[in-house]
Amino acid sequence: RLDGFVAHVASFREIEVIDIRPLEKSSHQNIKFLQADMMNPLRIEKTDSLSCLHAIEHFGLGRYNDPIDIDGHMKGINNLVSLLEKNGTLYISFPIGKNDEILYNAQRVFNPRTIFKNNSIRSHMELVKFDFVDAMGDLHLNTCIDNIMEKLTYGCGIYTFKKN
């Protein structure tokens, strides 16, 4: 969506929006569109900052005309990490719950620790901060994942990683 995060970032810096769906060219000078499948390696310039907010949970489920791929989310994370410069920051958010699950073709829900099973995350990234929004809509800043596991039902995990 352009009316939220993208519009705010575009007010002070150029931002590229990558989507598997075709998008109309933006009239805003700081918003650039690139149609691409994040499950496949991209040949674009590396960046110092990359966000993937409420998207990775859809990769590989076919909901947005992307190919069905049970490992789509892992391939997407690998490609995100590869697009970051050294010391670059990755902001990634997705639905979290006690267990990993797929809700029809709508989305995945991840255990908050599942992202650390990804080889690219383990090998190249350091967790700087974990925030989450709980099932009641309350935001919890700079939280320890282990401290939320007992009471976790569903929510949104917001991870900040730095590439080493």
Protein backbone atom coordinates (compact mmCIF):
# COMPACT_ATOMS: atom_id res chain seq x y z
CA ARG A 1 0.00 0.00 0.00
CA LEU A 2 1.24 3.42 -0.87
CA ASP A 3 -0.83 5.40 1.61
CA GLY A 4 1.05 4.25 4.69
CA PHE A 5 4.66 3.24 5.15
CA VAL A 6 5.71 3.83 1.54
CA ALA A 7 4.32 7.37 1.48
CA HIS A 8 6.04 8.22 4.75
CA VAL A 9 9.44 6.99 3.58
CA ALA A 10 9.02 8.72 0.19
CA SER A 11 8.70 12.04 2.02
CA PHE A 12 12.43 11.94 2.86
CA ARG A 13 14.13 9.41 0.55
CA GLU A 14 13.70 7.41 -2.62
CA ILE A 15 11.98 4.08 -2.12
CA GLU A 16 11.62 1.12 -4.46
CA VAL A 17 8.50 -0.97 -4.18
CA ILE A 18 8.92 -4.54 -5.41
CA ASP A 19 5.77 -6.55 -6.10
CA ILE A 20 5.00 -9.67 -8.10
CA ARG A 21 1.89 -7.95 -9.41
CA PRO A 22 2.07 -5.27 -12.08
CA LEU A 23 1.83 -1.81 -10.55
CA GLU A 24 1.11 1.52 -12.16
CA LYS A 25 3.92 4.03 -12.26
CA SER A 26 3.79 6.38 -9.31
CA SER A 27 3.47 10.10 -9.87
CA HIS A 28 5.64 10.68 -6.77
CA GLN A 29 9.27 11.29 -7.74
CA ASN A 30 10.63 9.24 -4.81
CA ILE A 31 8.52 6.11 -5.42
CA LYS A 32 9.86 3.60 -7.97
CA PHE A 33 8.16 0.33 -8.87
CA LEU A 34 9.82 -2.92 -9.84
CA GLN A 35 7.77 -5.95 -10.77
CA ALA A 36 9.67 -9.04 -9.61
CA ASP A 37 9.25 -12.39 -7.89
CA MET A 38 11.16 -12.22 -4.61
CA MET A 39 11.39 -16.02 -4.55
CA ASN A 40 13.92 -15.74 -7.41
CA PRO A 41 17.30 -14.00 -7.17
CA LEU A 42 17.13 -10.38 -8.30
CA ARG A 43 19.83 -8.54 -10.19
CA ILE A 44 19.37 -5.14 -8.65
CA GLU A 45 21.66 -2.90 -6.64
CA LYS A 46 22.24 -3.71 -3.01
CA THR A 47 20.70 -1.41 -0.46
CA ASP A 48 21.37 -0.16 3.06
CA SER A 49 17.79 -0.64 4.22
CA LEU A 50 15.16 -3.16 3.21
CA SER A 51 11.73 -3.82 4.61
CA CYS A 52 9.40 -6.71 4.02
CA LEU A 53 6.28 -5.90 6.00
CA HIS A 54 3.42 -8.38 5.93
CA ALA A 55 4.51 -9.97 2.67
CA ILE A 56 6.80 -12.96 3.35
CA GLU A 57 3.89 -14.97 4.78
CA HIS A 58 2.28 -15.00 1.32
CA PHE A 59 5.29 -16.13 -0.73
CA GLY A 60 4.74 -19.41 -2.56
CA LEU A 61 1.06 -19.80 -1.75
CA GLY A 62 -0.25 -18.67 -5.15
CA ARG A 63 -2.57 -16.04 -3.73
CA TYR A 64 -1.04 -13.24 -5.81
CA ASN A 65 -0.38 -15.30 -8.96
CA ASP A 66 3.00 -16.34 -7.63
CA PRO A 67 4.08 -19.93 -8.26
CA ILE A 68 3.19 -22.52 -5.60
CA ASP A 69 6.36 -23.24 -3.65
CA ILE A 70 6.31 -24.69 -0.13
CA ASP A 71 9.74 -23.10 0.48
CA GLY A 72 8.77 -19.74 -1.03
CA HIS A 73 9.15 -17.87 2.24
CA MET A 74 12.65 -19.26 2.84
CA LYS A 75 13.73 -18.40 -0.73
CA GLY A 76 12.31 -14.92 -0.24
CA ILE A 77 14.25 -14.41 2.99
CA ASN A 78 17.45 -15.60 1.29
CA ASN A 79 16.93 -13.08 -1.49
CA LEU A 80 16.18 -10.27 0.95
CA VAL A 81 19.44 -10.92 2.80
CA SER A 82 21.38 -11.06 -0.48
CA LEU A 83 20.09 -7.59 -1.43
CA LEU A 84 21.49 -5.97 1.70
CA GLU A 85 24.84 -4.23 1.88
CA LYS A 86 27.19 -5.06 4.77
CA ASN A 87 25.77 -3.38 7.91
CA GLY A 88 22.46 -2.98 6.07
CA THR A 89 19.22 -3.20 8.03
CA LEU A 90 16.38 -5.62 7.34
CA TYR A 91 12.96 -4.90 8.80
CA ILE A 92 10.67 -7.89 8.44
CA SER A 93 7.26 -8.53 9.95
CA PHE A 94 4.81 -11.40 9.71
CA PRO A 95 2.06 -13.16 11.66
CA ILE A 96 3.30 -15.17 14.64
CA GLY A 97 1.74 -17.91 16.72
CA LYS A 98 2.77 -20.90 18.82
CA ASN A 99 3.18 -23.13 15.75
CA ASP A 100 4.05 -22.79 12.09
CA GLU A 101 0.92 -23.19 10.00
CA ILE A 102 -0.56 -22.33 6.62
CA LEU A 103 -4.04 -20.86 6.62
CA TYR A 104 -5.43 -22.13 3.30
CA ASN A 105 -3.73 -20.06 0.61
CA ALA A 106 -4.09 -16.82 2.56
CA GLN A 107 -0.93 -16.73 4.65
CA ARG A 108 1.51 -18.50 6.83
CA VAL A 109 1.77 -18.02 10.58
CA PHE A 110 5.22 -18.61 12.04
CA ASN A 111 6.51 -19.52 15.43
CA PRO A 112 8.61 -16.45 16.38
CA ARG A 113 11.79 -18.58 16.36
CA THR A 114 11.26 -20.08 12.89
CA ILE A 115 13.03 -17.24 11.08
CA PHE A 116 16.26 -18.24 12.82
CA LYS A 117 16.15 -21.62 11.02
CA ASN A 118 16.87 -19.81 7.76
CA ASN A 119 20.54 -20.28 6.77
CA SER A 120 20.91 -16.72 5.46
CA ILE A 121 19.59 -15.28 8.72
CA ARG A 122 21.80 -17.55 10.84
CA SER A 123 24.92 -16.91 8.75
CA HIS A 124 24.67 -13.23 7.90
CA MET A 125 22.27 -11.43 10.20
CA GLU A 126 22.20 -10.28 13.80
CA LEU A 127 18.90 -9.60 15.55
CA VAL A 128 18.98 -6.00 16.75
CA LYS A 129 15.45 -5.80 18.08
CA PHE A 130 12.22 -7.80 18.26
CA ASP A 131 8.91 -6.00 18.71
CA PHE A 132 5.47 -7.51 18.45
CA VAL A 133 1.82 -6.66 18.39
CA ASP A 134 -0.22 -9.08 20.48
CA ALA A 135 -3.66 -10.50 19.68
CA MET A 136 -5.29 -7.57 21.50
CA GLY A 137 -3.48 -5.02 19.30
CA ASP A 138 -1.03 -3.87 21.96
CA LEU A 139 2.52 -3.05 20.82
CA HIS A 140 5.40 -4.50 22.85
CA LEU A 141 8.74 -2.87 22.07
CA ASN A 142 12.20 -4.43 22.34
CA THR A 143 10.90 -7.73 23.67
CA CYS A 144 12.69 -11.01 24.27
CA ILE A 145 11.12 -13.75 22.14
CA ASP A 146 11.52 -16.29 24.95
CA ASN A 147 9.46 -14.07 27.27
CA ILE A 148 6.36 -14.08 25.04
CA MET A 149 6.16 -17.78 24.18
CA GLU A 150 4.10 -18.90 27.18
CA LYS A 151 1.27 -16.39 26.63
CA LEU A 152 1.46 -16.13 22.82
CA THR A 153 -1.67 -16.92 20.85
CA TYR A 154 -1.36 -14.87 17.66
CA GLY A 155 0.21 -11.56 16.82
CA CYS A 156 2.62 -9.80 14.51
CA GLY A 157 6.36 -10.18 14.95
CA ILE A 158 8.48 -7.21 13.88
CA TYR A 159 12.17 -8.06 13.53
CA THR A 160 15.07 -5.66 12.98
CA PHE A 161 18.22 -7.36 11.70
CA LYS A 162 21.66 -5.97 10.83
CA LYS A 163 23.81 -7.69 8.19
CA ASN A 164 27.25 -8.64 9.48
